[in-house]
Amino acid sequence: MTKRILTVAMLLMMIAAGALAAVSVPEPDSDLFYVYDGAKVLSTETEAQIYYNNVNLYKACGAEIVFVVVDDTDGYALEDYSAAIFDKWELYDRDVLVVLAIDDEDYWMVQGSSIEREMTGSTMRALLEDYLEPDFAKQNYDSGVRKLFDALFAEVTDIYNADISLVNGYEQYKTANEAGTQYADGTRDDYGYYEYSDEDEGLSFGTILLIIIIVLVVIRSMKSSGRKGGGNKTIIVNPAPRVPHIPNVFHAPRTGGFTRPSGSRRTTSSGTSFSRPSGGSRSGGFGGRAGGGRSGGGGSRGGGVGRGR
């Protein structure tokens, strides 16, 4: 009976892991990383605030606060969609992820496992209700994201006793923009960003190998339990060998440039309009993830909370 329960549990775990790996999520912005605005609702000020303060936060305590804004989740439950982003983007156990699905009128926050004790579900729910929900309900997404990020920054720095304060990210962006390098042909240097390859999509070879090993172990266990006259037998299963993780390519940070999608315009809080270049020259700005390519895969997630739940 115990073996049957164990077998069923293992099969359910395999199915769940396969389903999560199949969830299609966007790749991170190669220059910004800490903020992805697929729905185009965030201002440059807010993106800069999230980016530059994350750079300082990571250097101070190794934590990251990541925001992802999409139109919808392609029919996936937002909790599963957020979990897939946390894993595929290789966020770690000190990180916090907030995902907003604009057309679905929903959002979700999930924290890494090592911060879960201090940043509990009730704490995250209070932060969402106090800083995001009022603006989210009025479709003032940019304002809500900015307020929530600032509150999360204060919370995380307090948890890890990080001796840093919020900086004006937009001012740093303008300074970097003025000092940035022009790219007349629309090309960019091959450094300063966290590079993701096609290998990050779907099931990796290591995951497939692990599933095959688990299936073989289950089949062997079932066959052994069904033999007659053998009495009770103890099956010792050695753990599957760890598949080495090949870190993503990362080079030293650069000072200039970030690419924006073509076509639309952004408006700053002061009323200044920013055009998104459709190619050609670009200047200064963000330089990718502060931590670069991390080896060993992503960290474990804690429990998440969402809108009204």
Protein backbone atom coordinates (compact mmCIF):
# COMPACT_ATOMS: atom_id res chain seq x y z
CA MET A 1 0.00 0.00 0.00
CA THR A 2 2.80 2.37 0.93
CA LYS A 3 4.60 1.64 -2.34
CA ARG A 4 1.46 2.40 -4.32
CA ILE A 5 1.02 5.73 -2.55
CA LEU A 6 4.68 6.56 -3.18
CA THR A 7 4.33 5.62 -6.85
CA VAL A 8 1.25 7.79 -7.31
CA ALA A 9 2.92 10.72 -5.54
CA MET A 10 6.01 10.48 -7.74
CA LEU A 11 3.91 10.33 -10.89
CA LEU A 12 1.91 13.39 -9.81
CA MET A 13 5.15 15.27 -9.13
CA MET A 14 6.43 14.38 -12.58
CA ILE A 15 3.21 15.54 -14.22
CA ALA A 16 3.28 18.82 -12.29
CA ALA A 17 6.94 19.45 -13.17
CA GLY A 18 6.28 18.76 -16.84
CA ALA A 19 3.26 21.06 -16.89
CA LEU A 20 5.20 23.90 -15.27
CA ALA A 21 8.10 23.50 -17.71
CA ALA A 22 5.63 23.71 -20.60
CA VAL A 23 4.29 27.12 -19.54
CA SER A 24 5.39 29.69 -22.12
CA VAL A 25 6.70 32.86 -20.48
CA PRO A 26 8.51 35.89 -21.93
CA GLU A 27 12.26 36.19 -21.85
CA PRO A 28 13.63 38.97 -19.64
CA ASP A 29 14.57 42.31 -21.14
CA SER A 30 18.26 41.89 -21.90
CA ASP A 31 19.12 45.40 -20.67
CA LEU A 32 16.70 45.91 -17.81
CA PHE A 33 16.19 42.35 -16.48
CA TYR A 34 14.55 43.56 -13.26
CA VAL A 35 11.48 44.91 -15.05
CA TYR A 36 9.65 43.54 -18.09
CA ASP A 37 6.84 45.67 -19.51
CA GLY A 38 5.16 43.59 -22.17
CA ALA A 39 1.91 45.53 -21.72
CA LYS A 40 3.66 48.90 -22.21
CA VAL A 41 2.07 50.55 -19.18
CA LEU A 42 5.19 51.62 -17.26
CA SER A 43 7.01 54.93 -17.58
CA THR A 44 10.73 55.30 -18.08
CA GLU A 45 10.97 56.79 -14.58
CA THR A 46 9.49 53.67 -13.02
CA GLU A 47 11.68 51.32 -15.06
CA ALA A 48 14.76 53.32 -14.10
CA GLN A 49 13.71 53.37 -10.45
CA ILE A 50 13.37 49.59 -10.41
CA TYR A 51 16.58 48.96 -12.36
CA TYR A 52 19.10 51.21 -10.60
CA ASN A 53 17.85 50.47 -7.10
CA ASN A 54 18.00 46.75 -7.86
CA VAL A 55 21.63 47.10 -8.89
CA ASN A 56 22.41 48.66 -5.50
CA LEU A 57 20.26 46.11 -3.66
CA TYR A 58 21.98 43.14 -5.27
CA LYS A 59 25.42 44.51 -4.48
CA ALA A 60 24.40 45.14 -0.85
CA CYS A 61 22.69 41.86 0.03
CA GLY A 62 22.25 39.66 -3.05
CA ALA A 63 18.48 40.20 -3.27
CA GLU A 64 16.47 41.24 -6.33
CA ILE A 65 12.95 42.63 -6.75
CA VAL A 66 11.61 41.80 -10.20
CA PHE A 67 8.45 43.12 -11.85
CA VAL A 68 6.85 41.50 -14.91
CA VAL A 69 3.86 43.14 -16.63
CA VAL A 70 2.05 41.24 -19.38
CA ASP A 71 -1.28 41.58 -21.18
CA ASP A 72 -2.40 38.10 -20.14
CA THR A 73 -1.06 34.67 -19.20
CA ASP A 74 -2.23 32.78 -22.31
CA GLY A 75 -4.81 30.90 -20.29
CA TYR A 76 -2.45 29.65 -17.58
CA ALA A 77 -3.24 30.18 -13.92
CA LEU A 78 -1.35 33.27 -12.79
CA GLU A 79 0.21 31.33 -9.91
CA ASP A 80 1.67 28.76 -12.32
CA TYR A 81 2.71 31.46 -14.78
CA SER A 82 4.57 33.33 -12.03
CA ALA A 83 6.22 30.13 -10.80
CA ALA A 84 7.44 29.41 -14.34
CA ILE A 85 8.97 32.89 -14.60
CA PHE A 86 10.66 32.50 -11.21
CA ASP A 87 12.24 29.22 -12.33
CA LYS A 88 13.09 30.02 -15.96
CA TRP A 89 14.54 33.43 -15.14
CA GLU A 90 16.65 31.73 -12.46
CA LEU A 91 15.51 33.93 -9.61
CA TYR A 92 16.99 32.95 -6.27
CA ASP A 93 15.84 32.36 -2.72
CA ARG A 94 16.36 35.99 -1.69
CA ASP A 95 14.39 37.38 -4.61
CA VAL A 96 10.85 38.70 -4.86
CA LEU A 97 8.77 38.51 -8.06
CA VAL A 98 5.62 40.50 -8.84
CA VAL A 99 3.63 39.66 -11.99
CA LEU A 100 0.79 41.83 -13.30
CA ALA A 101 -1.63 40.51 -15.95
CA ILE A 102 -3.40 43.65 -17.18
CA ASP A 103 -6.17 42.16 -19.35
CA ASP A 104 -6.84 39.49 -16.73
CA GLU A 105 -7.11 42.21 -14.06
CA ASP A 106 -4.94 40.17 -11.73
CA TYR A 107 -1.53 40.15 -10.08
CA TRP A 108 0.63 37.74 -8.09
CA MET A 109 3.62 38.05 -5.77
CA VAL A 110 5.98 35.23 -4.84
CA GLN A 111 9.10 35.32 -2.69
CA GLY A 112 12.20 33.14 -2.47
CA SER A 113 12.32 30.49 0.23
CA SER A 114 15.01 32.11 2.39
CA ILE A 115 13.03 35.33 2.76
CA GLU A 116 9.72 33.55 3.36
CA ARG A 117 10.00 33.52 7.15
CA GLU A 118 10.32 37.30 7.37
CA MET A 119 8.20 38.21 4.35
CA THR A 120 5.18 36.04 5.07
CA GLY A 121 2.06 35.67 3.00
CA SER A 122 0.21 38.09 5.26
CA THR A 123 3.01 40.65 4.89
CA MET A 124 2.95 40.39 1.09
CA ARG A 125 -0.84 40.61 1.04
CA ALA A 126 -0.73 43.79 3.13
CA LEU A 127 1.88 45.31 0.81
CA LEU A 128 -0.22 44.51 -2.25
CA GLU A 129 -3.41 45.89 -0.73
CA ASP A 130 -1.77 49.07 0.59
CA TYR A 131 0.52 50.01 -2.30
CA LEU A 132 -0.68 48.31 -5.51
CA GLU A 133 -4.40 47.60 -5.30
CA PRO A 134 -5.70 51.21 -5.02
CA ASP A 135 -3.93 52.28 -8.24
CA PHE A 136 -4.41 48.92 -9.97
CA ALA A 137 -8.18 49.17 -9.49
CA LYS A 138 -8.09 52.61 -11.16
CA GLN A 139 -5.82 51.31 -13.97
CA ASN A 140 -3.01 53.56 -12.75
CA TYR A 141 -0.58 50.69 -13.15
CA ASP A 142 2.58 52.77 -13.35
CA SER A 143 1.87 54.55 -10.08
CA GLY A 144 0.96 51.31 -8.30
CA VAL A 145 4.09 49.51 -9.46
CA ARG A 146 6.29 52.40 -8.39
CA LYS A 147 4.74 52.57 -4.91
CA LEU A 148 4.92 48.81 -4.43
CA PHE A 149 8.55 48.64 -5.53
CA ASP A 150 9.58 51.38 -3.11
CA ALA A 151 7.74 49.59 -0.28
CA LEU A 152 9.32 46.23 -1.16
CA PHE A 153 12.75 47.83 -1.33
CA ALA A 154 12.33 49.17 2.21
CA GLU A 155 11.06 45.77 3.40
CA VAL A 156 13.90 43.76 1.85
CA THR A 157 16.67 46.12 2.98
CA ASP A 158 15.26 45.95 6.51
CA ILE A 159 15.18 42.14 6.47
CA TYR A 160 18.81 41.86 5.35
CA ASN A 161 20.07 44.93 7.24
CA ALA A 162 21.33 46.41 3.98
CA ASP A 163 22.78 49.86 4.59
CA ILE A 164 21.39 51.49 1.43
CA SER A 165 18.59 53.90 0.61
CA LEU A 166 16.42 54.48 -2.44
CA VAL A 167 18.04 56.60 -5.13
CA ASN A 168 16.38 58.57 -7.90
CA GLY A 169 16.71 56.01 -10.66
CA TYR A 170 15.55 58.36 -13.37
CA GLU A 171 18.29 60.86 -12.59
CA GLN A 172 20.85 58.07 -12.84
CA TYR A 173 19.30 56.99 -16.11
CA LYS A 174 19.60 60.50 -17.55
CA THR A 175 23.23 60.71 -16.43
CA ALA A 176 24.03 57.38 -18.06
CA ASN A 177 22.07 58.39 -21.14
CA GLU A 178 24.14 61.55 -21.56
CA ALA A 179 27.39 59.60 -21.20
CA GLY A 180 26.28 56.65 -23.29
CA THR A 181 27.70 55.41 -26.57
CA GLN A 182 25.89 56.09 -29.84
CA TYR A 183 25.08 53.08 -32.04
CA ALA A 184 24.58 54.48 -35.52
CA ASP A 185 23.97 51.12 -37.18
CA GLY A 186 21.52 49.80 -34.59
CA THR A 187 23.94 47.16 -33.34
CA ARG A 188 25.03 46.62 -29.74
CA ASP A 189 28.08 45.42 -27.89
CA ASP A 190 28.07 41.77 -26.91
CA TYR A 191 28.36 42.46 -23.21
CA GLY A 192 26.56 44.04 -20.30
CA TYR A 193 23.49 41.85 -20.32
CA TYR A 194 22.23 38.52 -19.14
CA GLU A 195 21.93 36.36 -22.22
CA TYR A 196 19.28 33.67 -22.54
CA SER A 197 19.46 31.07 -25.26
CA ASP A 198 16.85 28.85 -26.84
CA GLU A 199 17.96 26.12 -24.46
CA ASP A 200 16.00 27.88 -21.71
CA GLU A 201 12.74 27.04 -23.45
CA GLY A 202 10.88 23.86 -22.57
CA LEU A 203 12.37 20.85 -20.82
CA SER A 204 16.14 20.73 -20.50
CA PHE A 205 18.14 17.57 -21.15
CA GLY A 206 18.83 17.25 -17.44
CA THR A 207 15.11 17.41 -16.61
CA ILE A 208 14.25 14.78 -19.22
CA LEU A 209 17.03 12.52 -17.94
CA LEU A 210 15.80 12.87 -14.37
CA ILE A 211 12.23 11.99 -15.39
CA ILE A 212 13.44 8.89 -17.25
CA ILE A 213 15.42 7.73 -14.20
CA ILE A 214 12.41 8.24 -11.91
CA VAL A 215 10.14 6.28 -14.28
CA LEU A 216 12.63 3.39 -14.41
CA VAL A 217 12.89 3.34 -10.62
CA VAL A 218 9.09 3.28 -10.26
CA ILE A 219 8.74 0.44 -12.78
CA ARG A 220 11.44 -1.57 -11.04
CA SER A 221 9.78 -1.01 -7.68
CA MET A 222 6.40 -2.16 -8.99
CA LYS A 223 7.88 -5.31 -10.55
CA SER A 224 9.75 -6.21 -7.39
CA SER A 225 6.63 -5.82 -5.22
CA GLY A 226 4.65 -8.12 -7.53
CA ARG A 227 6.97 -11.15 -7.37
CA LYS A 228 5.63 -14.24 -5.56
CA GLY A 229 7.44 -16.03 -2.78
CA GLY A 230 9.97 -13.30 -2.36
CA GLY A 231 8.69 -11.98 0.95
CA ASN A 232 9.34 -8.39 1.90
CA LYS A 233 12.24 -6.94 -0.02
CA THR A 234 14.07 -3.71 0.55
CA ILE A 235 14.98 -1.75 -2.53
CA ILE A 236 17.78 0.74 -2.16
CA VAL A 237 17.62 3.47 -4.75
CA ASN A 238 20.70 5.61 -5.17
CA PRO A 239 19.95 9.26 -5.93
CA ALA A 240 20.20 10.30 -9.54
CA PRO A 241 23.45 12.07 -10.41
CA ARG A 242 23.25 15.85 -10.53
CA VAL A 243 23.38 17.25 -14.03
CA PRO A 244 25.94 20.06 -14.17
CA HIS A 245 24.48 23.47 -14.93
CA ILE A 246 26.11 25.43 -17.69
CA PRO A 247 25.97 29.12 -16.73
CA ASN A 248 24.62 31.64 -19.18
CA VAL A 249 27.02 34.01 -20.88
CA PHE A 250 27.72 37.23 -19.02
CA HIS A 251 30.36 39.86 -19.42
CA ALA A 252 31.27 43.02 -17.56
CA PRO A 253 28.54 45.70 -17.26
CA ARG A 254 28.53 48.52 -19.74
CA THR A 255 27.45 52.11 -19.25
CA GLY A 256 25.49 52.74 -22.39
CA GLY A 257 22.35 51.83 -24.15
CA PHE A 258 19.19 49.85 -24.00
CA THR A 259 16.90 48.79 -26.80
CA ARG A 260 13.18 49.48 -26.68
CA PRO A 261 10.45 48.04 -28.91
CA SER A 262 9.54 50.23 -31.83
CA GLY A 263 6.51 52.37 -32.33
CA SER A 264 5.04 53.61 -29.07
CA ARG A 265 5.85 56.58 -26.87
CA ARG A 266 6.25 56.90 -23.14
CA THR A 267 5.29 59.88 -21.05
CA THR A 268 7.16 60.87 -17.92
CA SER A 269 5.46 62.18 -14.82
CA SER A 270 6.60 65.65 -15.77
CA GLY A 271 4.82 65.41 -19.12
CA THR A 272 7.93 64.88 -21.25
CA SER A 273 7.40 62.37 -24.03
CA PHE A 274 9.98 59.73 -24.90
CA SER A 275 9.99 58.04 -28.29
CA ARG A 276 10.98 54.42 -28.52
CA PRO A 277 13.54 54.12 -31.31
CA SER A 278 12.75 51.74 -34.13
CA GLY A 279 16.42 51.11 -34.82
CA GLY A 280 19.49 53.11 -35.73
CA SER A 281 21.27 55.10 -33.06
CA ARG A 282 20.56 54.72 -29.36
CA SER A 283 22.21 56.07 -26.29
CA GLY A 284 22.99 55.35 -22.66
CA GLY A 285 20.87 53.76 -19.98
CA PHE A 286 20.69 50.35 -18.42
CA GLY A 287 23.29 47.62 -18.39
CA GLY A 288 21.57 44.34 -17.61
CA ARG A 289 21.45 42.19 -14.50
CA ALA A 290 23.90 43.17 -11.76
CA GLY A 291 24.55 39.58 -10.75
CA GLY A 292 25.25 38.37 -14.26
CA GLY A 293 24.92 34.72 -15.18
CA ARG A 294 24.38 32.64 -12.07
CA SER A 295 25.49 29.05 -12.01
CA GLY A 296 23.56 26.19 -10.48
CA GLY A 297 20.06 27.06 -11.63
CA GLY A 298 17.34 28.97 -9.84
CA GLY A 299 16.51 28.98 -6.17
CA SER A 300 13.48 27.59 -4.40
CA ARG A 301 10.23 29.53 -4.18
CA GLY A 302 8.08 30.30 -1.20
CA GLY A 303 4.31 30.60 -1.15
CA GLY A 304 2.72 33.35 -3.20
CA VAL A 305 -0.30 35.62 -2.82
CA GLY A 306 -2.46 37.39 -5.36
CA ARG A 307 -5.31 39.79 -5.85
CA GLY A 308 -8.10 38.96 -3.43
CA ARG A 309 -6.48 35.69 -2.34
